């Protein structure tokens, strides 16, 4: 059952994501420090806050939180775990004036897209509409709030976007619901509950 970390609230800002292992979190942190030599003035995301978003839910009425869990449990029961590799730098929206610096995913992308599609389908009846934009799996490393065009030029001339930058394996073994909590130190993400994927299910049955 979900942890009652939200019982004193009327609504919460929430999203579904895959957590990083401690080892992968450490590697991401080391990589961010390397990138700081090229990009000293961007806003780096705290490594412990980095995750692979599956679906952003927005402001959710607390009365609906348990319903989200109920909707996702059948997915967990029938979906086998899988693995991804974290590699390949990219930016949003484009290199001329980037606002987000991210590192992408390779590996079992069909399984990931299938999982995202199933999550979208399960939550649509609850009023969480499916995303219109294609899903691009990524981990946000930094937000670029100033000198966007200059940062784009640095990234272009450094050749960083053309390098594989493999940071390791990300096991996708559960779906975690996070709530965003704004503090004076920035935004922190608090896990409320997780739906484990079923190791006993064949990879060919999902």
N, C-alpha and C. Protein backbone atom coordinates (compact mmCIF):
# COMPACT_ATOMS: atom_id res chain seq x y z
N UNK A 1 0.84 -1.19 0.00
CA UNK A 1 0.00 0.00 0.00
C UNK A 1 0.88 1.25 0.00
N UNK A 2 0.38 2.36 -0.56
CA UNK A 2 1.19 3.57 -0.61
C UNK A 2 1.46 4.13 0.76
N UNK A 3 2.62 4.75 0.91
CA UNK A 3 2.97 5.42 2.15
C UNK A 3 2.15 6.70 2.27
N UNK A 4 1.62 6.98 3.45
CA UNK A 4 0.76 8.14 3.63
C UNK A 4 1.58 9.41 3.86
N UNK A 5 2.44 9.69 2.89
CA UNK A 5 3.24 10.89 2.95
C UNK A 5 2.49 12.08 2.39
N UNK A 6 1.23 11.86 2.01
CA UNK A 6 0.46 12.92 1.38
C UNK A 6 -0.89 13.10 2.03
N UNK A 7 -1.11 12.45 3.17
CA UNK A 7 -2.43 12.44 3.79
C UNK A 7 -2.87 13.82 4.27
N UNK A 8 -1.92 14.73 4.53
CA UNK A 8 -2.28 16.06 5.01
C UNK A 8 -2.38 17.08 3.88
N UNK A 9 -2.46 16.62 2.66
CA UNK A 9 -2.51 17.50 1.49
C UNK A 9 -3.81 17.29 0.73
N UNK A 10 -4.23 18.34 0.02
CA UNK A 10 -5.38 18.21 -0.87
C UNK A 10 -4.95 17.77 -2.26
N UNK A 11 -3.75 18.19 -2.66
CA UNK A 11 -3.23 17.81 -3.97
C UNK A 11 -1.71 17.76 -3.89
N UNK A 12 -1.13 17.15 -4.87
CA UNK A 12 0.32 17.09 -4.95
C UNK A 12 0.75 17.07 -6.41
N UNK A 13 1.95 17.54 -6.64
CA UNK A 13 2.52 17.54 -7.99
C UNK A 13 3.32 16.26 -8.12
N UNK A 14 2.96 15.42 -9.09
CA UNK A 14 3.50 14.06 -9.11
C UNK A 14 3.91 13.62 -10.50
N UNK A 15 4.74 12.58 -10.51
CA UNK A 15 5.15 11.96 -11.77
C UNK A 15 5.57 10.52 -11.50
N UNK A 16 5.55 9.71 -12.55
CA UNK A 16 5.98 8.32 -12.48
C UNK A 16 7.34 8.20 -13.14
N UNK A 17 8.25 7.46 -12.49
CA UNK A 17 9.61 7.41 -13.01
C UNK A 17 10.31 6.13 -12.56
N UNK A 18 11.50 5.93 -13.13
CA UNK A 18 12.40 4.84 -12.74
C UNK A 18 13.55 5.46 -11.96
N UNK A 19 13.80 4.94 -10.78
CA UNK A 19 14.89 5.44 -9.95
C UNK A 19 16.24 4.92 -10.44
N UNK A 20 17.28 5.68 -10.18
CA UNK A 20 18.64 5.25 -10.49
C UNK A 20 19.23 4.49 -9.30
N UNK A 21 20.05 3.49 -9.59
CA UNK A 21 20.78 2.82 -8.51
C UNK A 21 21.82 3.78 -7.93
N UNK A 22 22.31 3.48 -6.74
CA UNK A 22 23.32 4.32 -6.12
C UNK A 22 24.58 4.38 -6.98
N UNK A 23 24.95 3.25 -7.59
CA UNK A 23 26.14 3.21 -8.43
C UNK A 23 25.98 4.08 -9.66
N UNK A 24 24.82 4.00 -10.30
CA UNK A 24 24.59 4.82 -11.49
C UNK A 24 24.50 6.29 -11.11
N UNK A 25 23.90 6.58 -9.97
CA UNK A 25 23.82 7.95 -9.50
C UNK A 25 25.23 8.53 -9.29
N UNK A 26 26.13 7.72 -8.75
CA UNK A 26 27.51 8.15 -8.55
C UNK A 26 28.19 8.44 -9.89
N UNK A 27 27.97 7.57 -10.88
CA UNK A 27 28.58 7.77 -12.19
C UNK A 27 28.04 9.02 -12.88
N UNK A 28 26.74 9.28 -12.70
CA UNK A 28 26.16 10.49 -13.27
C UNK A 28 26.78 11.72 -12.63
N UNK A 29 26.97 11.68 -11.31
CA UNK A 29 27.58 12.79 -10.60
C UNK A 29 29.00 13.05 -11.11
N UNK A 30 29.77 11.99 -11.29
CA UNK A 30 31.14 12.14 -11.80
C UNK A 30 31.13 12.74 -13.21
N UNK A 31 30.17 12.31 -14.02
CA UNK A 31 30.08 12.83 -15.38
C UNK A 31 29.71 14.31 -15.38
N UNK A 32 28.80 14.70 -14.49
CA UNK A 32 28.45 16.11 -14.39
C UNK A 32 29.68 16.96 -14.03
N UNK A 33 30.50 16.45 -13.13
CA UNK A 33 31.71 17.18 -12.75
C UNK A 33 32.67 17.34 -13.94
N UNK A 34 32.74 16.31 -14.78
CA UNK A 34 33.57 16.41 -15.98
C UNK A 34 33.03 17.49 -16.93
N UNK A 35 31.72 17.53 -17.07
CA UNK A 35 31.11 18.49 -17.98
C UNK A 35 31.24 19.92 -17.48
N UNK A 36 31.39 20.10 -16.18
CA UNK A 36 31.52 21.44 -15.63
C UNK A 36 32.75 22.17 -16.16
N UNK A 37 33.75 21.41 -16.62
CA UNK A 37 34.93 22.03 -17.22
C UNK A 37 34.58 22.75 -18.52
N UNK A 38 33.54 22.25 -19.21
CA UNK A 38 33.11 22.86 -20.46
C UNK A 38 31.96 23.84 -20.23
N UNK A 39 31.11 23.54 -19.24
CA UNK A 39 29.87 24.30 -19.03
C UNK A 39 29.78 24.74 -17.57
N UNK A 40 30.56 25.73 -17.17
CA UNK A 40 30.61 26.09 -15.75
C UNK A 40 29.40 26.86 -15.25
N UNK A 41 28.57 27.40 -16.15
CA UNK A 41 27.53 28.33 -15.71
C UNK A 41 26.11 27.81 -15.90
N UNK A 42 25.94 26.53 -16.13
CA UNK A 42 24.58 25.98 -16.24
C UNK A 42 24.12 25.50 -14.86
N UNK A 43 22.82 25.26 -14.75
CA UNK A 43 22.26 24.81 -13.47
C UNK A 43 22.18 23.29 -13.45
N UNK A 44 23.09 22.68 -12.71
CA UNK A 44 23.17 21.23 -12.67
C UNK A 44 22.11 20.64 -11.75
N UNK A 45 21.47 19.58 -12.20
CA UNK A 45 20.49 18.86 -11.38
C UNK A 45 21.25 18.03 -10.35
N UNK A 46 20.77 18.04 -9.12
CA UNK A 46 21.41 17.22 -8.09
C UNK A 46 21.32 15.75 -8.48
N UNK A 47 22.42 15.02 -8.43
CA UNK A 47 22.41 13.62 -8.87
C UNK A 47 21.33 12.77 -8.20
N UNK A 48 21.07 13.01 -6.93
CA UNK A 48 20.06 12.21 -6.22
C UNK A 48 18.65 12.51 -6.70
N UNK A 49 18.48 13.58 -7.48
CA UNK A 49 17.16 13.92 -8.01
C UNK A 49 16.95 13.44 -9.44
N UNK A 50 17.98 12.90 -10.05
CA UNK A 50 17.89 12.49 -11.45
C UNK A 50 17.15 11.15 -11.56
N UNK A 51 16.31 11.03 -12.57
CA UNK A 51 15.46 9.85 -12.74
C UNK A 51 15.07 9.74 -14.21
N UNK A 52 14.50 8.62 -14.58
CA UNK A 52 13.95 8.43 -15.92
C UNK A 52 12.43 8.57 -15.82
N UNK A 53 11.91 9.68 -16.29
CA UNK A 53 10.48 9.93 -16.22
C UNK A 53 9.73 9.01 -17.20
N UNK A 54 8.67 8.39 -16.70
CA UNK A 54 7.76 7.61 -17.54
C UNK A 54 6.53 8.41 -17.92
N UNK A 55 5.98 9.14 -16.94
CA UNK A 55 4.82 9.99 -17.23
C UNK A 55 4.72 11.08 -16.17
N UNK A 56 4.57 12.31 -16.63
CA UNK A 56 4.33 13.44 -15.73
C UNK A 56 2.83 13.56 -15.51
N UNK A 57 2.42 13.59 -14.25
CA UNK A 57 1.00 13.63 -13.92
C UNK A 57 0.49 15.03 -13.62
N UNK A 58 1.37 15.92 -13.20
CA UNK A 58 0.94 17.26 -12.85
C UNK A 58 0.34 17.31 -11.46
N UNK A 59 -0.55 18.26 -11.23
CA UNK A 59 -1.20 18.38 -9.92
C UNK A 59 -2.30 17.34 -9.80
N UNK A 60 -2.15 16.47 -8.82
CA UNK A 60 -3.06 15.34 -8.64
C UNK A 60 -3.82 15.49 -7.33
N UNK A 61 -5.13 15.37 -7.38
CA UNK A 61 -5.92 15.36 -6.15
C UNK A 61 -5.54 14.13 -5.33
N UNK A 62 -5.34 14.33 -4.05
CA UNK A 62 -4.89 13.23 -3.18
C UNK A 62 -5.85 12.04 -3.24
N UNK A 63 -7.13 12.31 -3.45
CA UNK A 63 -8.11 11.23 -3.50
C UNK A 63 -7.89 10.29 -4.67
N UNK A 64 -7.07 10.72 -5.67
CA UNK A 64 -6.84 9.90 -6.86
C UNK A 64 -5.55 9.08 -6.77
N UNK A 65 -4.74 9.33 -5.76
CA UNK A 65 -3.42 8.70 -5.71
C UNK A 65 -3.52 7.19 -5.61
N UNK A 66 -4.39 6.70 -4.73
CA UNK A 66 -4.53 5.25 -4.60
C UNK A 66 -5.11 4.63 -5.87
N UNK A 67 -5.94 5.40 -6.60
CA UNK A 67 -6.48 4.91 -7.86
C UNK A 67 -5.39 4.73 -8.91
N UNK A 68 -4.38 5.60 -8.88
CA UNK A 68 -3.25 5.44 -9.79
C UNK A 68 -2.51 4.14 -9.49
N UNK A 69 -2.31 3.87 -8.22
CA UNK A 69 -1.67 2.61 -7.82
C UNK A 69 -2.46 1.41 -8.31
N UNK A 70 -3.76 1.44 -8.10
CA UNK A 70 -4.62 0.33 -8.52
C UNK A 70 -4.56 0.13 -10.03
N UNK A 71 -4.49 1.22 -10.78
CA UNK A 71 -4.45 1.12 -12.24
C UNK A 71 -3.14 0.53 -12.73
N UNK A 72 -2.04 0.76 -11.98
CA UNK A 72 -0.73 0.30 -12.43
C UNK A 72 -0.39 -1.11 -11.97
N UNK A 73 -1.06 -1.61 -10.96
CA UNK A 73 -0.71 -2.93 -10.43
C UNK A 73 -0.82 -4.05 -11.47
N UNK A 74 -1.84 -4.06 -12.33
CA UNK A 74 -1.88 -5.10 -13.38
C UNK A 74 -0.68 -5.05 -14.32
N UNK A 75 -0.16 -3.84 -14.57
CA UNK A 75 1.03 -3.72 -15.41
C UNK A 75 2.21 -4.37 -14.72
N UNK A 76 2.38 -4.08 -13.44
CA UNK A 76 3.47 -4.69 -12.70
C UNK A 76 3.39 -6.21 -12.67
N UNK A 77 2.19 -6.73 -12.57
CA UNK A 77 2.01 -8.18 -12.50
C UNK A 77 2.33 -8.87 -13.82
N UNK A 78 2.20 -8.16 -14.93
CA UNK A 78 2.35 -8.81 -16.24
C UNK A 78 3.55 -8.32 -17.05
N UNK A 79 4.30 -7.36 -16.51
CA UNK A 79 5.42 -6.79 -17.25
C UNK A 79 6.74 -7.26 -16.64
N UNK A 80 7.61 -7.89 -17.43
CA UNK A 80 8.92 -8.32 -16.90
C UNK A 80 9.89 -7.14 -16.80
N UNK A 81 10.83 -7.20 -15.89
CA UNK A 81 11.87 -6.17 -15.84
C UNK A 81 12.74 -6.23 -17.10
N UNK A 82 13.46 -5.15 -17.34
CA UNK A 82 14.39 -5.10 -18.47
C UNK A 82 15.49 -4.10 -18.13
N UNK A 83 16.47 -3.98 -19.01
CA UNK A 83 17.59 -3.08 -18.73
C UNK A 83 17.81 -2.10 -19.87
N UNK A 84 18.32 -0.94 -19.50
CA UNK A 84 18.70 0.10 -20.46
C UNK A 84 20.16 0.47 -20.21
N UNK A 85 20.77 1.08 -21.21
CA UNK A 85 22.10 1.65 -21.04
C UNK A 85 21.99 3.17 -21.14
N UNK A 86 22.68 3.85 -20.24
CA UNK A 86 22.62 5.31 -20.20
C UNK A 86 23.80 5.87 -20.98
N UNK A 87 23.51 6.48 -22.11
CA UNK A 87 24.57 7.02 -22.95
C UNK A 87 24.03 8.00 -23.98
N UNK A 88 24.88 8.89 -24.45
CA UNK A 88 24.54 9.79 -25.55
C UNK A 88 23.93 11.10 -25.07
N UNK A 89 24.71 12.20 -25.16
CA UNK A 89 24.21 13.51 -24.75
C UNK A 89 23.26 14.09 -25.79
N UNK A 90 22.30 14.87 -25.32
CA UNK A 90 21.39 15.57 -26.20
C UNK A 90 20.86 16.82 -25.52
N UNK A 91 20.12 17.64 -26.26
CA UNK A 91 19.55 18.87 -25.70
C UNK A 91 18.11 19.03 -26.16
N UNK A 92 17.36 19.78 -25.39
CA UNK A 92 16.02 20.26 -25.77
C UNK A 92 16.06 21.78 -25.72
N UNK A 93 15.37 22.51 -26.60
CA UNK A 93 14.66 21.97 -27.77
C UNK A 93 15.57 21.78 -28.98
N UNK A 94 16.68 22.56 -29.06
CA UNK A 94 17.60 22.42 -30.19
C UNK A 94 18.94 23.01 -29.78
N UNK A 95 19.97 22.70 -30.56
CA UNK A 95 21.34 23.05 -30.20
C UNK A 95 21.59 24.56 -30.31
N UNK A 96 20.79 25.29 -31.08
CA UNK A 96 21.03 26.73 -31.24
C UNK A 96 20.77 27.49 -29.94
N UNK A 97 19.74 27.09 -29.22
CA UNK A 97 19.42 27.72 -27.93
C UNK A 97 18.93 26.63 -26.97
N UNK A 98 19.81 25.78 -26.50
CA UNK A 98 19.38 24.67 -25.64
C UNK A 98 18.91 25.16 -24.27
N UNK A 99 17.89 24.51 -23.75
CA UNK A 99 17.40 24.82 -22.41
C UNK A 99 17.60 23.65 -21.44
N UNK A 100 17.68 22.43 -22.00
CA UNK A 100 17.88 21.23 -21.19
C UNK A 100 19.04 20.42 -21.78
N UNK A 101 19.96 20.01 -20.93
CA UNK A 101 21.02 19.08 -21.32
C UNK A 101 20.71 17.74 -20.70
N UNK A 102 20.68 16.70 -21.53
CA UNK A 102 20.30 15.38 -21.02
C UNK A 102 21.21 14.30 -21.57
N UNK A 103 21.14 13.14 -20.92
CA UNK A 103 21.81 11.95 -21.44
C UNK A 103 20.73 10.90 -21.70
N UNK A 104 20.86 10.20 -22.82
CA UNK A 104 19.78 9.34 -23.29
C UNK A 104 19.91 7.89 -22.90
N UNK A 105 19.10 7.07 -23.53
CA UNK A 105 19.02 5.64 -23.23
C UNK A 105 19.13 4.83 -24.51
N UNK A 106 19.80 3.69 -24.39
CA UNK A 106 19.78 2.67 -25.44
C UNK A 106 19.44 1.36 -24.74
N UNK A 107 19.54 0.27 -25.46
CA UNK A 107 19.19 -1.03 -24.87
C UNK A 107 17.81 -1.45 -25.28
N UNK A 108 17.04 -1.97 -24.34
CA UNK A 108 15.72 -2.52 -24.67
C UNK A 108 14.68 -1.39 -24.76
N UNK A 109 14.85 -0.54 -25.76
CA UNK A 109 13.92 0.57 -25.96
C UNK A 109 12.51 0.08 -26.30
N UNK A 110 12.34 -1.00 -27.10
CA UNK A 110 10.97 -1.48 -27.34
C UNK A 110 10.23 -1.81 -26.05
N UNK A 111 10.92 -2.44 -25.08
CA UNK A 111 10.28 -2.75 -23.80
C UNK A 111 9.91 -1.47 -23.06
N UNK A 112 10.77 -0.46 -23.11
CA UNK A 112 10.48 0.80 -22.45
C UNK A 112 9.28 1.48 -23.09
N UNK A 113 9.25 1.53 -24.40
CA UNK A 113 8.13 2.17 -25.08
C UNK A 113 6.83 1.42 -24.83
N UNK A 114 6.92 0.10 -24.73
CA UNK A 114 5.74 -0.69 -24.41
C UNK A 114 5.24 -0.37 -23.00
N UNK A 115 6.19 -0.23 -22.06
CA UNK A 115 5.81 0.11 -20.69
C UNK A 115 5.15 1.48 -20.62
N UNK A 116 5.74 2.45 -21.28
CA UNK A 116 5.16 3.80 -21.29
C UNK A 116 3.77 3.79 -21.90
N UNK A 117 3.61 3.05 -22.99
CA UNK A 117 2.30 2.96 -23.65
C UNK A 117 1.26 2.33 -22.73
N UNK A 118 1.66 1.30 -22.00
CA UNK A 118 0.73 0.64 -21.09
C UNK A 118 0.35 1.56 -19.92
N UNK A 119 1.32 2.32 -19.43
CA UNK A 119 1.03 3.28 -18.36
C UNK A 119 0.06 4.34 -18.85
N UNK A 120 0.31 4.86 -20.05
CA UNK A 120 -0.60 5.85 -20.64
C UNK A 120 -2.02 5.28 -20.74
N UNK A 121 -2.12 4.05 -21.25
CA UNK A 121 -3.43 3.44 -21.42
C UNK A 121 -4.15 3.19 -20.11
N UNK A 122 -3.40 2.83 -19.08
CA UNK A 122 -4.01 2.54 -17.78
C UNK A 122 -4.52 3.80 -17.10
N UNK A 123 -3.84 4.91 -17.32
CA UNK A 123 -4.19 6.14 -16.62
C UNK A 123 -5.16 7.03 -17.39
N UNK A 124 -5.31 6.78 -18.67
CA UNK A 124 -6.23 7.58 -19.47
C UNK A 124 -7.66 7.58 -18.92
N UNK A 125 -8.21 6.43 -18.47
CA UNK A 125 -9.57 6.45 -17.91
C UNK A 125 -9.69 7.28 -16.63
N UNK A 126 -8.56 7.55 -15.97
CA UNK A 126 -8.58 8.36 -14.75
C UNK A 126 -8.49 9.85 -15.05
N UNK A 127 -8.38 10.19 -16.33
CA UNK A 127 -8.33 11.59 -16.71
C UNK A 127 -6.94 12.12 -17.00
N UNK A 128 -5.93 11.25 -16.94
CA UNK A 128 -4.57 11.66 -17.28
C UNK A 128 -4.36 11.40 -18.77
N UNK A 129 -4.50 12.43 -19.57
CA UNK A 129 -4.47 12.28 -21.01
C UNK A 129 -3.09 11.88 -21.50
N UNK A 130 -3.06 11.11 -22.58
CA UNK A 130 -1.80 10.67 -23.16
C UNK A 130 -1.03 11.86 -23.73
N UNK A 131 0.30 11.76 -23.69
CA UNK A 131 1.14 12.82 -24.20
C UNK A 131 1.00 12.93 -25.72
N UNK A 132 0.97 14.14 -26.22
CA UNK A 132 0.89 14.36 -27.65
C UNK A 132 2.26 14.22 -28.32
N UNK A 133 3.32 14.62 -27.60
CA UNK A 133 4.67 14.53 -28.17
C UNK A 133 5.21 13.12 -28.04
N UNK A 134 6.03 12.69 -28.99
CA UNK A 134 6.66 11.36 -28.89
C UNK A 134 7.52 11.28 -27.63
N UNK A 135 7.54 10.12 -27.01
CA UNK A 135 8.32 9.91 -25.79
C UNK A 135 9.80 9.81 -26.14
N UNK A 136 10.62 10.63 -25.50
CA UNK A 136 12.08 10.61 -25.69
C UNK A 136 12.71 10.25 -24.35
N UNK A 137 13.18 9.03 -24.17
CA UNK A 137 13.76 8.65 -22.87
C UNK A 137 15.06 9.39 -22.61
N UNK A 138 15.16 10.00 -21.42
CA UNK A 138 16.36 10.78 -21.10
C UNK A 138 16.44 11.04 -19.61
N UNK A 139 17.63 11.37 -19.16
CA UNK A 139 17.88 11.82 -17.80
C UNK A 139 18.35 13.28 -17.90
N UNK A 140 17.65 14.19 -17.24
CA UNK A 140 18.02 15.60 -17.29
C UNK A 140 19.25 15.83 -16.40
N UNK A 141 20.32 16.34 -17.01
CA UNK A 141 21.57 16.61 -16.29
C UNK A 141 21.66 18.06 -15.84
N UNK A 142 21.15 18.98 -16.66
CA UNK A 142 21.29 20.41 -16.34
C UNK A 142 20.21 21.20 -17.06
N UNK A 143 19.88 22.35 -16.46
CA UNK A 143 18.97 23.31 -17.07
C UNK A 143 19.77 24.56 -17.41
N UNK A 144 19.54 25.08 -18.60
CA UNK A 144 20.31 26.21 -19.10
C UNK A 144 19.40 27.43 -19.12
N UNK A 145 19.64 28.34 -18.20
CA UNK A 145 18.75 29.49 -18.04
C UNK A 145 19.34 30.78 -18.58
N UNK A 146 20.65 30.78 -18.85
CA UNK A 146 21.30 31.99 -19.33
C UNK A 146 22.29 31.62 -20.44
N UNK A 147 22.54 32.59 -21.32
CA UNK A 147 23.53 32.42 -22.38
C UNK A 147 23.30 31.13 -23.18
N UNK A 148 22.04 30.88 -23.54
CA UNK A 148 21.69 29.62 -24.21
C UNK A 148 22.44 29.43 -25.51
N UNK A 149 22.53 30.48 -26.32
CA UNK A 149 23.20 30.33 -27.60
C UNK A 149 24.69 30.05 -27.41
N UNK A 150 25.31 30.66 -26.40
CA UNK A 150 26.72 30.43 -26.14
C UNK A 150 26.95 29.00 -25.69
N UNK A 151 26.06 28.48 -24.84
CA UNK A 151 26.17 27.09 -24.40
C UNK A 151 26.04 26.16 -25.60
N UNK A 152 25.14 26.48 -26.52
CA UNK A 152 24.98 25.68 -27.72
C UNK A 152 26.25 25.65 -28.55
N UNK A 153 26.92 26.79 -28.66
CA UNK A 153 28.17 26.84 -29.42
C UNK A 153 29.26 26.00 -28.75
N UNK A 154 29.33 26.08 -27.41
CA UNK A 154 30.33 25.29 -26.68
C UNK A 154 30.09 23.80 -26.90
N UNK A 155 28.84 23.38 -26.82
CA UNK A 155 28.52 21.97 -27.03
C UNK A 155 28.86 21.53 -28.45
N UNK A 156 28.58 22.39 -29.41
CA UNK A 156 28.85 22.06 -30.81
C UNK A 156 30.35 21.92 -31.06
N UNK A 157 31.13 22.88 -30.60
CA UNK A 157 32.57 22.88 -30.88
C UNK A 157 33.33 21.85 -30.05
N UNK A 158 32.79 21.48 -28.89
CA UNK A 158 33.48 20.51 -28.03
C UNK A 158 33.36 19.08 -28.57
N UNK A 159 32.34 18.83 -29.40
CA UNK A 159 32.11 17.48 -29.91
C UNK A 159 31.49 16.53 -28.91
N UNK A 160 31.04 17.05 -27.76
CA UNK A 160 30.48 16.19 -26.71
C UNK A 160 29.23 15.45 -27.17
N UNK A 161 28.43 16.09 -28.01
CA UNK A 161 27.18 15.46 -28.44
C UNK A 161 27.41 14.29 -29.39
N UNK A 162 28.61 14.21 -29.96
CA UNK A 162 28.91 13.11 -30.88
C UNK A 162 29.56 11.92 -30.17
N UNK A 163 29.90 12.07 -28.91
CA UNK A 163 30.56 10.99 -28.17
C UNK A 163 29.53 10.13 -27.46
N UNK A 164 29.78 8.80 -27.34
CA UNK A 164 28.78 7.90 -26.76
C UNK A 164 28.52 8.15 -25.27
N UNK A 165 29.54 8.47 -24.48
CA UNK A 165 29.39 8.81 -23.07
C UNK A 165 28.58 7.75 -22.31
N UNK A 166 28.99 6.51 -22.37
CA UNK A 166 28.25 5.42 -21.72
C UNK A 166 28.51 5.43 -20.23
N UNK A 167 27.42 5.57 -19.43
CA UNK A 167 27.55 5.63 -17.98
C UNK A 167 27.19 4.33 -17.28
N UNK A 168 26.62 3.37 -18.01
CA UNK A 168 26.32 2.09 -17.38
C UNK A 168 24.87 1.66 -17.56
N UNK A 169 24.49 0.66 -16.78
CA UNK A 169 23.19 -0.01 -16.91
C UNK A 169 22.17 0.59 -15.96
N UNK A 170 20.95 0.78 -16.47
CA UNK A 170 19.81 1.18 -15.65
C UNK A 170 18.79 0.04 -15.66
N UNK A 171 18.69 -0.72 -14.56
CA UNK A 171 17.65 -1.74 -14.49
C UNK A 171 16.27 -1.09 -14.33
N UNK A 172 15.32 -1.52 -15.13
CA UNK A 172 13.94 -1.05 -14.99
C UNK A 172 13.16 -2.18 -14.34
N UNK A 173 13.01 -2.08 -13.02
CA UNK A 173 12.41 -3.17 -12.25
C UNK A 173 11.17 -2.74 -11.48
N UNK A 174 10.88 -1.44 -11.48
CA UNK A 174 9.68 -0.97 -10.79
C UNK A 174 9.31 0.43 -11.28
N UNK A 175 8.05 0.78 -11.08
CA UNK A 175 7.53 2.10 -11.41
C UNK A 175 7.30 2.83 -10.09
N UNK A 176 7.93 3.98 -9.92
CA UNK A 176 7.82 4.72 -8.67
C UNK A 176 7.04 6.01 -8.87
N UNK A 177 6.11 6.27 -7.95
CA UNK A 177 5.40 7.55 -7.95
C UNK A 177 6.15 8.52 -7.05
N UNK A 178 6.53 9.66 -7.60
CA UNK A 178 7.21 10.71 -6.85
C UNK A 178 6.29 11.92 -6.73
N UNK A 179 6.44 12.62 -5.62
CA UNK A 179 5.84 13.95 -5.53
C UNK A 179 6.95 14.98 -5.46
N UNK A 180 6.71 16.13 -6.07
CA UNK A 180 7.66 17.23 -6.05
C UNK A 180 7.40 18.10 -4.83
N UNK A 181 8.45 18.42 -4.11
CA UNK A 181 8.33 19.24 -2.92
C UNK A 181 9.30 20.42 -3.07
N UNK A 182 8.76 21.64 -3.07
CA UNK A 182 9.59 22.83 -3.23
C UNK A 182 10.08 23.29 -1.87
N UNK A 183 11.40 23.40 -1.74
CA UNK A 183 12.01 23.89 -0.51
C UNK A 183 12.87 25.11 -0.82
N UNK A 184 13.41 25.74 0.22
CA UNK A 184 14.28 26.90 -0.01
C UNK A 184 15.59 26.51 -0.68
N UNK A 185 15.89 25.20 -0.68
CA UNK A 185 17.11 24.71 -1.32
C UNK A 185 16.85 24.21 -2.74
N UNK A 186 15.60 24.29 -3.20
CA UNK A 186 15.26 23.80 -4.52
C UNK A 186 14.16 22.75 -4.45
N UNK A 187 13.95 22.06 -5.55
CA UNK A 187 12.90 21.04 -5.62
C UNK A 187 13.48 19.69 -5.22
N UNK A 188 12.79 18.98 -4.33
CA UNK A 188 13.17 17.62 -3.99
C UNK A 188 12.06 16.68 -4.41
N UNK A 189 12.43 15.45 -4.76
CA UNK A 189 11.48 14.46 -5.23
C UNK A 189 11.38 13.35 -4.19
N UNK A 190 10.17 13.14 -3.69
CA UNK A 190 9.94 12.19 -2.61
C UNK A 190 9.16 11.00 -3.14
N UNK A 191 9.73 9.77 -3.07
CA UNK A 191 8.98 8.59 -3.52
C UNK A 191 7.84 8.26 -2.56
N UNK A 192 6.67 7.99 -3.11
CA UNK A 192 5.51 7.65 -2.30
C UNK A 192 5.27 6.15 -2.26
N UNK A 193 5.35 5.51 -3.42
CA UNK A 193 5.22 4.05 -3.49
C UNK A 193 5.78 3.59 -4.82
N UNK A 194 5.96 2.27 -4.93
CA UNK A 194 6.50 1.69 -6.17
C UNK A 194 5.73 0.43 -6.52
N UNK A 195 5.53 0.24 -7.81
CA UNK A 195 4.92 -0.99 -8.33
C UNK A 195 6.03 -1.82 -8.96
N UNK A 196 6.38 -2.96 -8.37
CA UNK A 196 7.47 -3.78 -8.94
C UNK A 196 7.01 -4.48 -10.21
N UNK A 197 7.94 -4.65 -11.14
CA UNK A 197 7.67 -5.48 -12.32
C UNK A 197 7.92 -6.93 -11.96
N UNK A 198 7.30 -7.83 -12.68
CA UNK A 198 7.25 -9.24 -12.29
C UNK A 198 8.36 -10.04 -12.96
N UNK A 199 9.35 -10.46 -12.16
CA UNK A 199 10.49 -11.22 -12.71
C UNK A 199 10.06 -12.58 -13.23
N UNK A 200 8.91 -13.07 -12.77
CA UNK A 200 8.47 -14.40 -13.17
C UNK A 200 7.81 -14.42 -14.55
N UNK A 201 7.56 -13.24 -15.11
CA UNK A 201 6.87 -13.16 -16.40
C UNK A 201 7.89 -13.28 -17.53
N UNK A 202 7.57 -14.06 -18.54
CA UNK A 202 8.45 -14.19 -19.70
C UNK A 202 8.51 -12.90 -20.46
N UNK A 203 9.67 -12.60 -21.02
CA UNK A 203 9.84 -11.41 -21.86
C UNK A 203 8.97 -11.44 -23.10
N UNK A 204 8.46 -12.60 -23.44
CA UNK A 204 7.66 -12.69 -24.66
C UNK A 204 6.17 -12.54 -24.41
N UNK A 205 5.79 -12.34 -23.11
CA UNK A 205 4.38 -12.31 -22.80
C UNK A 205 3.83 -10.90 -22.63
N UNK A 206 4.72 -9.88 -22.61
CA UNK A 206 4.23 -8.51 -22.38
C UNK A 206 3.72 -7.90 -23.67
